[in-house]
Each structure stands twice: as C-alpha cells, then as structure tokens.
Amino acid sequence: MVSADRAVFEWLNGLAGRWPALDSVMRLVVSDFFLPVVIALAVVMLWFAGRSQEERTRWQWTFIIANGGAGFANLAVSIFNSNFYRARPFIALEDVHVLFYRPHDPSFPSNAAAYGFAMATGVFLYNKKWGLVVGAFAFAFAFARVYAGMHFPLDVIGGALIGILVTWLFAKVLSLFEPFILRALALLRRVPMA
C-alpha cells in the first residue's frame, strides 16, 4: 500500500514543473487562502439562503452541521497528529517539486482534506447538488496538495475519510438535540441574526 502511495505521489508530483500555466493554477488552488475561503464563504451564505422560513431553517441547519463537522474533524486530525507522525513528501523523499510553503506538521492525515470534505459532507447531507459543488472544491484542494508536494495520496484520502465520517456522526448526534437548536434559531430570528 505504501509503495503504491509513493508511486502515485511521484507520478502526480512529477507533473509539477512541466507546464508553468498549470503550476500557477495549482499554486492558487493549493493555497490556504483560496479554496478554503471559497468553501467557507459558500457555507456562510447558506445561513442567509432560503425564501421561506422552512427553507431558511434547513439551510441554517446545514450551516451548523458543516461548520461543526469541520471543527470536530480538525480536532480529530489534531489528536491523530499528536500521537502519530508521518513525514511530508518533501522531507521523506528527494526531488519533490514543492509549489507552496513547507508546513512542519505531520502529513497524515491531511487537515486540508478533512476540512474540505467535512464542509462538503455537511452540505451534501441536506442538499445533494450543492454538496457535490462543495465536494468538487474539496477534491480540487486535496488533489492540489498532492500535486504541489504537500501530501501523499493516502494523507488526503485519510483526511477526507475523517472529514466525511466525523461530519456524518456529528449530524447524527446533533439531530438528537434538534428541538433545542430550532428554538435557538427562533430566538436568533428575533434579533435579525437568522
């Protein structure tokens, strides 16, 4: 498995440096300040979406699930990282084409993939179409992390699985408290925040 992980990494990262235009796009996509911000802003807009009260409540519930899932997924990655270390490709291998800064935290699991796929899962659970759109952004972000030499493929797959599973579990647990959350949303509507 590890040899296949390395082979796929070397193939994808080997594409870096061949086409300057593609490298420029990947530098933008891999940035911590582009797709994560696009994903976050898209999910923030959900808070205000919906024409009817029922639609609005559904989108606000989606916002809560996506952000809560992302928060708990990041916590899960942090706990994992504090107990297990996998060197990043540019540390473990020679001749890696690095298109972005060199983080010092562990490579596995990918926090970037956990965040993106947690947000996508939170949206997908309540709206398949928009969940797939956010999922495409999450996939592009994860793919770019491998292309740019930041992660091995298994790192982003592990991060994606954590994001998906933690958000799904968060949604299940939070549904037990739905009446309380709906009351809180109703209170927020009185002070034009929902």
N, C-alpha and C. Protein backbone atom coordinates (compact mmCIF):
# COMPACT_ATOMS: atom_id res chain seq x y z
N MET A 1 0.83 -1.20 0.00
CA MET A 1 0.00 0.00 0.00
C MET A 1 0.87 1.25 0.00
N VAL A 2 1.91 1.26 0.84
CA VAL A 2 2.78 2.43 0.94
C VAL A 2 3.55 2.64 -0.37
N SER A 3 3.96 1.55 -1.02
CA SER A 3 4.69 1.70 -2.28
C SER A 3 3.77 2.25 -3.37
N ALA A 4 2.50 1.84 -3.39
CA ALA A 4 1.54 2.39 -4.35
C ALA A 4 1.28 3.87 -4.05
N ASP A 5 1.20 4.20 -2.76
CA ASP A 5 1.01 5.60 -2.34
C ASP A 5 2.16 6.46 -2.86
N ARG A 6 3.36 5.96 -2.69
CA ARG A 6 4.54 6.70 -3.14
C ARG A 6 4.57 6.80 -4.67
N ALA A 7 4.23 5.72 -5.35
CA ALA A 7 4.25 5.72 -6.82
C ALA A 7 3.24 6.73 -7.38
N VAL A 8 2.04 6.75 -6.82
CA VAL A 8 1.03 7.71 -7.28
C VAL A 8 1.49 9.14 -6.98
N PHE A 9 2.07 9.34 -5.78
CA PHE A 9 2.59 10.67 -5.45
C PHE A 9 3.64 11.10 -6.46
N GLU A 10 4.61 10.22 -6.73
CA GLU A 10 5.70 10.58 -7.65
C GLU A 10 5.17 10.89 -9.04
N TRP A 11 4.15 10.16 -9.48
CA TRP A 11 3.57 10.43 -10.79
C TRP A 11 2.88 11.79 -10.82
N LEU A 12 2.00 12.04 -9.81
CA LEU A 12 1.28 13.32 -9.78
C LEU A 12 2.22 14.50 -9.57
N ASN A 13 3.12 14.38 -8.60
CA ASN A 13 4.05 15.47 -8.32
C ASN A 13 5.04 15.64 -9.47
N GLY A 14 5.29 14.57 -10.21
CA GLY A 14 6.17 14.65 -11.38
C GLY A 14 5.60 15.52 -12.48
N LEU A 15 4.29 15.77 -12.44
CA LEU A 15 3.68 16.68 -13.42
C LEU A 15 4.04 18.13 -13.12
N ALA A 16 4.31 18.42 -11.85
CA ALA A 16 4.67 19.79 -11.45
C ALA A 16 5.99 20.17 -12.12
N GLY A 17 6.05 21.39 -12.58
CA GLY A 17 7.26 21.88 -13.22
C GLY A 17 7.28 21.69 -14.73
N ARG A 18 6.32 20.94 -15.27
CA ARG A 18 6.29 20.71 -16.72
C ARG A 18 5.54 21.81 -17.47
N TRP A 19 4.46 22.29 -16.88
CA TRP A 19 3.63 23.31 -17.52
C TRP A 19 3.46 24.48 -16.57
N PRO A 20 4.16 25.57 -16.81
CA PRO A 20 4.09 26.73 -15.91
C PRO A 20 2.67 27.24 -15.67
N ALA A 21 1.82 27.21 -16.69
CA ALA A 21 0.45 27.69 -16.51
C ALA A 21 -0.31 26.81 -15.52
N LEU A 22 -0.15 25.49 -15.64
CA LEU A 22 -0.81 24.57 -14.71
C LEU A 22 -0.25 24.75 -13.30
N ASP A 23 1.06 24.93 -13.19
CA ASP A 23 1.66 25.17 -11.88
C ASP A 23 1.10 26.43 -11.23
N SER A 24 0.88 27.47 -12.03
CA SER A 24 0.31 28.72 -11.49
C SER A 24 -1.09 28.48 -10.95
N VAL A 25 -1.89 27.72 -11.69
CA VAL A 25 -3.25 27.40 -11.23
C VAL A 25 -3.17 26.59 -9.95
N MET A 26 -2.29 25.60 -9.91
CA MET A 26 -2.17 24.75 -8.73
C MET A 26 -1.67 25.53 -7.52
N ARG A 27 -0.80 26.51 -7.73
CA ARG A 27 -0.35 27.35 -6.60
C ARG A 27 -1.54 28.09 -5.99
N LEU A 28 -2.46 28.53 -6.83
CA LEU A 28 -3.66 29.20 -6.34
C LEU A 28 -4.57 28.21 -5.62
N VAL A 29 -4.79 27.05 -6.24
CA VAL A 29 -5.71 26.06 -5.67
C VAL A 29 -5.19 25.50 -4.35
N VAL A 30 -3.87 25.29 -4.24
CA VAL A 30 -3.28 24.70 -3.04
C VAL A 30 -3.22 25.69 -1.87
N SER A 31 -3.36 26.96 -2.16
CA SER A 31 -3.24 28.00 -1.14
C SER A 31 -4.26 27.83 -0.02
N ASP A 32 -3.82 28.10 1.19
CA ASP A 32 -4.72 28.07 2.34
C ASP A 32 -5.72 29.22 2.30
N PHE A 33 -5.52 30.15 1.40
CA PHE A 33 -6.34 31.36 1.38
C PHE A 33 -7.25 31.44 0.17
N PHE A 34 -7.34 30.40 -0.64
CA PHE A 34 -8.24 30.46 -1.79
C PHE A 34 -9.42 29.51 -1.61
N LEU A 35 -9.26 28.22 -1.91
CA LEU A 35 -10.40 27.31 -1.82
C LEU A 35 -10.98 27.18 -0.42
N PRO A 36 -10.17 27.14 0.64
CA PRO A 36 -10.81 27.10 1.97
C PRO A 36 -11.69 28.32 2.22
N VAL A 37 -11.26 29.47 1.73
CA VAL A 37 -12.06 30.69 1.91
C VAL A 37 -13.31 30.62 1.03
N VAL A 38 -13.16 30.14 -0.21
CA VAL A 38 -14.32 29.98 -1.10
C VAL A 38 -15.34 29.04 -0.46
N ILE A 39 -14.86 27.92 0.06
CA ILE A 39 -15.76 26.95 0.71
C ILE A 39 -16.43 27.59 1.93
N ALA A 40 -15.66 28.26 2.76
CA ALA A 40 -16.22 28.89 3.96
C ALA A 40 -17.26 29.94 3.60
N LEU A 41 -16.96 30.78 2.62
CA LEU A 41 -17.92 31.82 2.22
C LEU A 41 -19.18 31.22 1.62
N ALA A 42 -19.03 30.15 0.84
CA ALA A 42 -20.21 29.48 0.28
C ALA A 42 -21.10 28.95 1.39
N VAL A 43 -20.50 28.37 2.41
CA VAL A 43 -21.29 27.82 3.52
C VAL A 43 -21.88 28.94 4.38
N VAL A 44 -21.15 30.04 4.56
CA VAL A 44 -21.70 31.18 5.31
C VAL A 44 -22.93 31.73 4.59
N MET A 45 -22.88 31.77 3.27
CA MET A 45 -24.04 32.27 2.51
C MET A 45 -25.28 31.42 2.75
N LEU A 46 -25.08 30.15 3.09
CA LEU A 46 -26.23 29.28 3.36
C LEU A 46 -27.04 29.78 4.54
N TRP A 47 -26.38 30.41 5.50
CA TRP A 47 -27.08 30.91 6.68
C TRP A 47 -28.21 31.86 6.28
N PHE A 48 -28.00 32.58 5.20
CA PHE A 48 -28.97 33.59 4.75
C PHE A 48 -29.82 33.11 3.58
N ALA A 49 -29.64 31.87 3.15
CA ALA A 49 -30.37 31.35 1.99
C ALA A 49 -31.78 30.94 2.37
N GLY A 50 -32.61 30.80 1.37
CA GLY A 50 -33.97 30.31 1.56
C GLY A 50 -35.00 31.42 1.49
N ARG A 51 -36.09 31.11 0.81
CA ARG A 51 -37.16 32.10 0.65
C ARG A 51 -38.21 31.98 1.74
N SER A 52 -38.48 30.76 2.16
CA SER A 52 -39.46 30.56 3.22
C SER A 52 -38.73 30.31 4.54
N GLN A 53 -39.49 30.40 5.63
CA GLN A 53 -38.92 30.12 6.95
C GLN A 53 -38.40 28.69 7.02
N GLU A 54 -39.13 27.77 6.42
CA GLU A 54 -38.73 26.37 6.43
C GLU A 54 -37.42 26.16 5.66
N GLU A 55 -37.31 26.77 4.48
CA GLU A 55 -36.06 26.68 3.69
C GLU A 55 -34.89 27.29 4.45
N ARG A 56 -35.15 28.43 5.06
CA ARG A 56 -34.09 29.11 5.80
C ARG A 56 -33.58 28.26 6.95
N THR A 57 -34.52 27.67 7.67
CA THR A 57 -34.15 26.80 8.79
C THR A 57 -33.32 25.62 8.29
N ARG A 58 -33.70 25.04 7.17
CA ARG A 58 -32.96 23.91 6.60
C ARG A 58 -31.53 24.34 6.24
N TRP A 59 -31.37 25.51 5.61
CA TRP A 59 -30.03 25.98 5.25
C TRP A 59 -29.20 26.32 6.48
N GLN A 60 -29.85 26.88 7.50
CA GLN A 60 -29.11 27.19 8.73
C GLN A 60 -28.68 25.91 9.43
N TRP A 61 -29.51 24.90 9.39
CA TRP A 61 -29.14 23.60 9.94
C TRP A 61 -27.93 23.05 9.17
N THR A 62 -27.94 23.20 7.86
CA THR A 62 -26.82 22.78 7.01
C THR A 62 -25.55 23.51 7.41
N PHE A 63 -25.65 24.81 7.62
CA PHE A 63 -24.51 25.63 8.05
C PHE A 63 -23.94 25.10 9.37
N ILE A 64 -24.80 24.80 10.32
CA ILE A 64 -24.37 24.31 11.63
C ILE A 64 -23.67 22.95 11.49
N ILE A 65 -24.26 22.06 10.71
CA ILE A 65 -23.67 20.72 10.53
C ILE A 65 -22.31 20.82 9.84
N ALA A 66 -22.23 21.61 8.77
CA ALA A 66 -20.97 21.72 8.01
C ALA A 66 -19.86 22.30 8.88
N ASN A 67 -20.14 23.39 9.58
CA ASN A 67 -19.11 24.02 10.40
C ASN A 67 -18.76 23.21 11.64
N GLY A 68 -19.77 22.65 12.28
CA GLY A 68 -19.50 21.79 13.44
C GLY A 68 -18.71 20.55 13.04
N GLY A 69 -19.10 19.95 11.91
CA GLY A 69 -18.37 18.79 11.41
C GLY A 69 -16.93 19.12 11.09
N ALA A 70 -16.70 20.28 10.47
CA ALA A 70 -15.33 20.70 10.14
C ALA A 70 -14.52 20.93 11.41
N GLY A 71 -15.14 21.54 12.41
CA GLY A 71 -14.44 21.77 13.67
C GLY A 71 -14.03 20.47 14.35
N PHE A 72 -14.97 19.52 14.42
CA PHE A 72 -14.65 18.24 15.05
C PHE A 72 -13.69 17.40 14.20
N ALA A 73 -13.77 17.52 12.88
CA ALA A 73 -12.82 16.82 12.01
C ALA A 73 -11.41 17.36 12.24
N ASN A 74 -11.28 18.68 12.36
CA ASN A 74 -9.97 19.27 12.64
C ASN A 74 -9.45 18.83 14.01
N LEU A 75 -10.35 18.72 14.98
CA LEU A 75 -9.95 18.21 16.29
C LEU A 75 -9.46 16.77 16.19
N ALA A 76 -10.17 15.95 15.43
CA ALA A 76 -9.76 14.55 15.25
C ALA A 76 -8.38 14.47 14.59
N VAL A 77 -8.14 15.31 13.59
CA VAL A 77 -6.83 15.33 12.93
C VAL A 77 -5.75 15.75 13.92
N SER A 78 -6.03 16.76 14.74
CA SER A 78 -5.05 17.23 15.73
C SER A 78 -4.71 16.14 16.73
N ILE A 79 -5.72 15.43 17.19
CA ILE A 79 -5.48 14.33 18.14
C ILE A 79 -4.64 13.25 17.46
N PHE A 80 -4.98 12.92 16.23
CA PHE A 80 -4.22 11.91 15.50
C PHE A 80 -2.78 12.38 15.31
N ASN A 81 -2.59 13.64 14.90
CA ASN A 81 -1.25 14.18 14.66
C ASN A 81 -0.40 14.21 15.92
N SER A 82 -1.01 14.40 17.08
CA SER A 82 -0.23 14.45 18.31
C SER A 82 0.25 13.06 18.75
N ASN A 83 -0.32 12.02 18.15
CA ASN A 83 0.05 10.65 18.51
C ASN A 83 0.76 9.88 17.40
N PHE A 84 0.79 10.43 16.21
CA PHE A 84 1.37 9.72 15.07
C PHE A 84 2.01 10.73 14.14
N TYR A 85 3.20 10.43 13.68
CA TYR A 85 3.89 11.35 12.77
C TYR A 85 4.24 10.66 11.47
N ARG A 86 3.84 11.26 10.38
CA ARG A 86 4.27 10.83 9.05
C ARG A 86 4.90 12.04 8.39
N ALA A 87 6.12 11.87 7.95
CA ALA A 87 6.84 12.98 7.31
C ALA A 87 6.16 13.37 6.00
N ARG A 88 6.21 14.64 5.73
CA ARG A 88 5.67 15.14 4.47
C ARG A 88 6.57 14.68 3.32
N PRO A 89 6.02 14.62 2.11
CA PRO A 89 6.81 14.13 0.97
C PRO A 89 8.13 14.87 0.76
N PHE A 90 8.13 16.19 0.94
CA PHE A 90 9.36 16.95 0.69
C PHE A 90 10.43 16.70 1.76
N ILE A 91 10.04 16.06 2.87
CA ILE A 91 11.00 15.65 3.90
C ILE A 91 11.42 14.20 3.66
N ALA A 92 10.46 13.36 3.32
CA ALA A 92 10.70 11.92 3.18
C ALA A 92 11.38 11.53 1.87
N LEU A 93 11.20 12.32 0.84
CA LEU A 93 11.71 11.96 -0.48
C LEU A 93 12.62 13.05 -1.04
N GLU A 94 13.42 12.66 -1.99
CA GLU A 94 14.24 13.63 -2.72
C GLU A 94 13.51 14.03 -4.00
N ASP A 95 13.91 15.14 -4.57
CA ASP A 95 13.40 15.60 -5.87
C ASP A 95 11.89 15.83 -5.89
N VAL A 96 11.34 16.35 -4.81
CA VAL A 96 9.92 16.69 -4.77
C VAL A 96 9.77 18.12 -5.26
N HIS A 97 8.82 18.33 -6.16
CA HIS A 97 8.53 19.68 -6.65
C HIS A 97 7.54 20.32 -5.67
N VAL A 98 8.01 21.25 -4.88
CA VAL A 98 7.16 21.90 -3.88
C VAL A 98 6.70 23.24 -4.46
N LEU A 99 5.39 23.41 -4.58
CA LEU A 99 4.84 24.63 -5.17
C LEU A 99 4.28 25.58 -4.13
N PHE A 100 4.42 25.25 -2.86
CA PHE A 100 3.85 26.08 -1.81
C PHE A 100 4.80 26.04 -0.62
N TYR A 101 4.44 26.71 0.46
CA TYR A 101 5.31 26.70 1.64
C TYR A 101 5.42 25.28 2.20
N ARG A 102 6.40 25.08 3.07
CA ARG A 102 6.67 23.75 3.63
C ARG A 102 6.17 23.67 5.07
N PRO A 103 4.96 23.15 5.28
CA PRO A 103 4.45 23.03 6.65
C PRO A 103 5.29 22.05 7.47
N HIS A 104 5.25 22.21 8.78
CA HIS A 104 6.04 21.35 9.66
C HIS A 104 5.20 20.33 10.41
N ASP A 105 3.88 20.41 10.27
CA ASP A 105 3.04 19.43 10.96
C ASP A 105 3.03 18.12 10.17
N PRO A 106 2.56 17.04 10.78
CA PRO A 106 2.57 15.74 10.11
C PRO A 106 1.74 15.75 8.82
N SER A 107 2.12 14.86 7.92
CA SER A 107 1.46 14.77 6.63
C SER A 107 0.14 14.01 6.69
N PHE A 108 0.09 12.99 7.56
CA PHE A 108 -1.11 12.15 7.65
C PHE A 108 -1.80 12.34 8.98
N PRO A 109 -3.10 12.50 8.97
CA PRO A 109 -3.99 12.73 7.84
C PRO A 109 -3.98 14.21 7.46
N SER A 110 -4.42 14.50 6.27
CA SER A 110 -4.43 15.87 5.77
C SER A 110 -5.54 16.68 6.42
N ASN A 111 -5.15 17.72 7.13
CA ASN A 111 -6.12 18.63 7.74
C ASN A 111 -6.91 19.35 6.65
N ALA A 112 -6.24 19.70 5.56
CA ALA A 112 -6.90 20.40 4.46
C ALA A 112 -8.02 19.54 3.87
N ALA A 113 -7.75 18.26 3.65
CA ALA A 113 -8.77 17.36 3.11
C ALA A 113 -9.89 17.13 4.12
N ALA A 114 -9.54 17.00 5.39
CA ALA A 114 -10.56 16.81 6.43
C ALA A 114 -11.52 17.99 6.45
N TYR A 115 -10.97 19.21 6.40
CA TYR A 115 -11.81 20.41 6.40
C TYR A 115 -12.71 20.45 5.17
N GLY A 116 -12.12 20.31 3.99
CA GLY A 116 -12.90 20.42 2.76
C GLY A 116 -14.01 19.39 2.67
N PHE A 117 -13.69 18.14 2.99
CA PHE A 117 -14.69 17.09 2.88
C PHE A 117 -15.70 17.12 4.02
N ALA A 118 -15.32 17.66 5.17
CA ALA A 118 -16.30 17.85 6.25
C ALA A 118 -17.34 18.89 5.82
N MET A 119 -16.87 19.99 5.26
CA MET A 119 -17.81 21.02 4.79
C MET A 119 -18.70 20.47 3.68
N ALA A 120 -18.11 19.74 2.75
CA ALA A 120 -18.88 19.17 1.64
C ALA A 120 -19.92 18.18 2.15
N THR A 121 -19.54 17.35 3.11
CA THR A 121 -20.47 16.36 3.66
C THR A 121 -21.62 17.05 4.38
N GLY A 122 -21.30 18.08 5.17
CA GLY A 122 -22.34 18.82 5.87
C GLY A 122 -23.38 19.39 4.92
N VAL A 123 -22.93 19.90 3.80
CA VAL A 123 -23.85 20.45 2.80
C VAL A 123 -24.58 19.31 2.08
N PHE A 124 -23.85 18.27 1.70
CA PHE A 124 -24.41 17.15 0.94
C PHE A 124 -25.55 16.46 1.70
N LEU A 125 -25.44 16.36 3.01
CA LEU A 125 -26.47 15.69 3.80
C LEU A 125 -27.84 16.36 3.66
N TYR A 126 -27.84 17.64 3.31
CA TYR A 126 -29.10 18.38 3.24
C TYR A 126 -29.41 18.91 1.85
N ASN A 127 -28.42 18.94 0.97
CA ASN A 127 -28.65 19.36 -0.41
C ASN A 127 -27.58 18.71 -1.28
N LYS A 128 -27.98 17.67 -1.98
CA LYS A 128 -27.03 16.88 -2.77
C LYS A 128 -26.31 17.72 -3.82
N LYS A 129 -27.05 18.55 -4.55
CA LYS A 129 -26.45 19.33 -5.64
C LYS A 129 -25.36 20.26 -5.13
N TRP A 130 -25.66 21.05 -4.11
CA TRP A 130 -24.66 21.98 -3.57
C TRP A 130 -23.56 21.25 -2.82
N GLY A 131 -23.90 20.10 -2.24
CA GLY A 131 -22.88 19.29 -1.60
C GLY A 131 -21.85 18.79 -2.59
N LEU A 132 -22.31 18.42 -3.79
CA LEU A 132 -21.38 17.99 -4.84
C LEU A 132 -20.51 19.14 -5.32
N VAL A 133 -21.07 20.35 -5.37
CA VAL A 133 -20.27 21.52 -5.77
C VAL A 133 -19.16 21.76 -4.75
N VAL A 134 -19.53 21.78 -3.47
CA VAL A 134 -18.52 21.97 -2.42
C VAL A 134 -17.55 20.79 -2.43
N GLY A 135 -18.06 19.59 -2.70
CA GLY A 135 -17.20 18.42 -2.79
C GLY A 135 -16.18 18.52 -3.92
N ALA A 136 -16.58 19.12 -5.03
CA ALA A 136 -15.63 19.33 -6.14
C ALA A 136 -14.51 20.28 -5.72
N PHE A 137 -14.86 21.32 -4.97
CA PHE A 137 -13.83 22.23 -4.45
C PHE A 137 -12.90 21.49 -3.48
N ALA A 138 -13.49 20.66 -2.62
CA ALA A 138 -12.69 19.89 -1.65
C ALA A 138 -11.76 18.92 -2.38
N PHE A 139 -12.27 18.27 -3.42
CA PHE A 139 -11.44 17.35 -4.20
C PHE A 139 -10.29 18.11 -4.87
N ALA A 140 -10.59 19.26 -5.47
CA ALA A 140 -9.54 20.06 -6.13
C ALA A 140 -8.47 20.47 -5.13
N PHE A 141 -8.90 20.87 -3.93
CA PHE A 141 -7.96 21.29 -2.88
C PHE A 141 -7.07 20.11 -2.47
N ALA A 142 -7.68 18.94 -2.27
CA ALA A 142 -6.92 17.75 -1.87
C ALA A 142 -5.97 17.30 -2.98
N PHE A 143 -6.46 17.29 -4.22
CA PHE A 143 -5.62 16.90 -5.36
C PHE A 143 -4.42 17.84 -5.48
N ALA A 144 -4.67 19.13 -5.34
CA ALA A 144 -3.59 20.12 -5.45
C ALA A 144 -2.54 19.93 -4.36
N ARG A 145 -2.96 19.48 -3.18
CA ARG A 145 -2.00 19.25 -2.10
C ARG A 145 -1.01 18.15 -2.46
N VAL A 146 -1.45 17.15 -3.21
CA VAL A 146 -0.56 16.09 -3.66
C VAL A 146 0.30 16.60 -4.82
N TYR A 147 -0.32 17.21 -5.79
CA TYR A 147 0.38 17.74 -6.96
C TYR A 147 1.50 18.69 -6.53
N ALA A 148 1.23 19.52 -5.53
CA ALA A 148 2.18 20.54 -5.08
C ALA A 148 3.22 20.03 -4.09
N GLY A 149 3.21 18.73 -3.79
CA GLY A 149 4.24 18.15 -2.93
C GLY A 149 3.99 18.28 -1.44
N MET A 150 2.77 18.60 -1.05
CA MET A 150 2.45 18.81 0.36
C MET A 150 2.04 17.52 1.08
N HIS A 151 1.40 16.61 0.36
CA HIS A 151 0.86 15.38 0.95
C HIS A 151 1.05 14.21 0.00
N PHE A 152 1.07 13.01 0.59
CA PHE A 152 0.95 11.78 -0.19
C PHE A 152 -0.54 11.54 -0.45
N PRO A 153 -0.89 10.75 -1.46
CA PRO A 153 -2.32 10.47 -1.72
C PRO A 153 -3.06 9.89 -0.51
N LEU A 154 -2.44 8.95 0.23
CA LEU A 154 -3.13 8.38 1.39
C LEU A 154 -3.39 9.42 2.48
N ASP A 155 -2.58 10.47 2.53
CA ASP A 155 -2.80 11.54 3.50
C ASP A 155 -4.13 12.24 3.24
N VAL A 156 -4.38 12.56 1.96
CA VAL A 156 -5.62 13.27 1.64
C VAL A 156 -6.81 12.32 1.68
N ILE A 157 -6.60 11.05 1.33
CA ILE A 157 -7.69 10.08 1.45
C ILE A 157 -8.07 9.90 2.92
N GLY A 158 -7.07 9.77 3.79
CA GLY A 158 -7.33 9.66 5.22
C GLY A 158 -8.03 10.90 5.77
N GLY A 159 -7.57 12.07 5.38
CA GLY A 159 -8.21 13.31 5.82
C GLY A 159 -9.64 13.41 5.32
N ALA A 160 -9.87 13.02 4.06
CA ALA A 160 -11.22 13.07 3.50
C ALA A 160 -12.14 12.12 4.27
N LEU A 161 -11.67 10.92 4.55
CA LEU A 161 -12.50 9.96 5.30
C LEU A 161 -12.82 10.47 6.70
N ILE A 162 -11.84 11.08 7.35
CA ILE A 162 -12.10 11.67 8.67
C ILE A 162 -13.15 12.76 8.56
N GLY A 163 -13.00 13.65 7.59
CA GLY A 163 -13.97 14.73 7.41
C GLY A 163 -15.38 14.21 7.16
N ILE A 164 -15.49 13.21 6.31
CA ILE A 164 -16.80 12.64 5.98
C ILE A 164 -17.41 11.93 7.18
N LEU A 165 -16.66 11.04 7.82
CA LEU A 165 -17.19 10.25 8.93
C LEU A 165 -17.52 11.11 10.15
N VAL A 166 -16.62 12.02 10.50
CA VAL A 166 -16.86 12.86 11.67
C VAL A 166 -18.08 13.75 11.45
N THR A 167 -18.23 14.30 10.26
CA THR A 167 -19.38 15.16 9.99
C THR A 167 -20.67 14.36 9.99
N TRP A 168 -20.65 13.17 9.43
CA TRP A 168 -21.83 12.31 9.45
C TRP A 168 -22.23 11.98 10.89
N LEU A 169 -21.24 11.62 11.72
CA LEU A 169 -21.52 11.33 13.13
C LEU A 169 -22.03 12.57 13.86
N PHE A 170 -21.41 13.72 13.58
CA PHE A 170 -21.84 14.97 14.20
C PHE A 170 -23.30 15.26 13.85
N ALA A 171 -23.68 15.04 12.59
CA ALA A 171 -25.06 15.28 12.16
C ALA A 171 -26.02 14.35 12.90
N LYS A 172 -25.62 13.08 13.06
CA LYS A 172 -26.48 12.12 13.77
C LYS A 172 -26.66 12.52 15.23
N VAL A 173 -25.57 12.88 15.89
CA VAL A 173 -25.65 13.27 17.31
C VAL A 173 -26.44 14.56 17.46
N LEU A 174 -26.16 15.53 16.60
CA LEU A 174 -26.84 16.82 16.71
C LEU A 174 -28.34 16.70 16.45
N SER A 175 -28.74 15.73 15.63
CA SER A 175 -30.17 15.56 15.36
C SER A 175 -30.93 15.19 16.63
N LEU A 176 -30.24 14.63 17.62
CA LEU A 176 -30.88 14.32 18.90
C LEU A 176 -31.27 15.60 19.65
N PHE A 177 -30.59 16.69 19.34
CA PHE A 177 -30.83 17.97 20.00
C PHE A 177 -31.57 18.96 19.10
N GLU A 178 -32.15 18.45 18.02
CA GLU A 178 -32.79 19.32 17.03
C GLU A 178 -33.84 20.26 17.63
N PRO A 179 -34.72 19.80 18.53
CA PRO A 179 -35.72 20.74 19.07
C PRO A 179 -35.08 21.94 19.78
N PHE A 180 -34.00 21.72 20.50
CA PHE A 180 -33.33 22.81 21.21
C PHE A 180 -32.67 23.77 20.23
N ILE A 181 -32.07 23.22 19.20
CA ILE A 181 -31.39 24.06 18.20
C ILE A 181 -32.41 24.87 17.42
N LEU A 182 -33.55 24.26 17.09
CA LEU A 182 -34.59 25.01 16.38
C LEU A 182 -35.12 26.15 17.24
N ARG A 183 -35.23 25.92 18.55
CA ARG A 183 -35.65 27.02 19.44
C ARG A 183 -34.61 28.13 19.47
N ALA A 184 -33.34 27.74 19.50
CA ALA A 184 -32.26 28.75 19.49
C ALA A 184 -32.30 29.55 18.19
N LEU A 185 -32.55 28.89 17.07
CA LEU A 185 -32.66 29.61 15.80
C LEU A 185 -33.84 30.56 15.81
N ALA A 186 -34.95 30.13 16.41
CA ALA A 186 -36.12 31.01 16.50
C ALA A 186 -35.80 32.25 17.33
N LEU A 187 -35.03 32.08 18.41
CA LEU A 187 -34.62 33.23 19.22
C LEU A 187 -33.70 34.16 18.43
N LEU A 188 -32.80 33.59 17.65
CA LEU A 188 -31.90 34.41 16.84
C LEU A 188 -32.66 35.21 15.79
N ARG A 189 -33.77 34.67 15.31
CA ARG A 189 -34.58 35.40 14.33
C ARG A 189 -35.19 36.66 14.92
N ARG A 190 -35.39 36.67 16.22
CA ARG A 190 -35.96 37.85 16.87
C ARG A 190 -34.99 39.02 16.90
N VAL A 191 -33.70 38.70 16.80
CA VAL A 191 -32.68 39.75 16.78
C VAL A 191 -32.01 39.81 15.41
N PRO A 192 -32.77 39.69 14.34
CA PRO A 192 -32.37 39.52 12.95
C PRO A 192 -30.97 38.92 12.71
N MET A 193 -30.72 37.75 13.31
CA MET A 193 -29.45 37.07 13.05
C MET A 193 -29.69 35.75 12.32
N ALA A 194 -30.93 35.38 12.18
CA ALA A 194 -31.24 34.14 11.47
C ALA A 194 -32.38 34.41 10.55
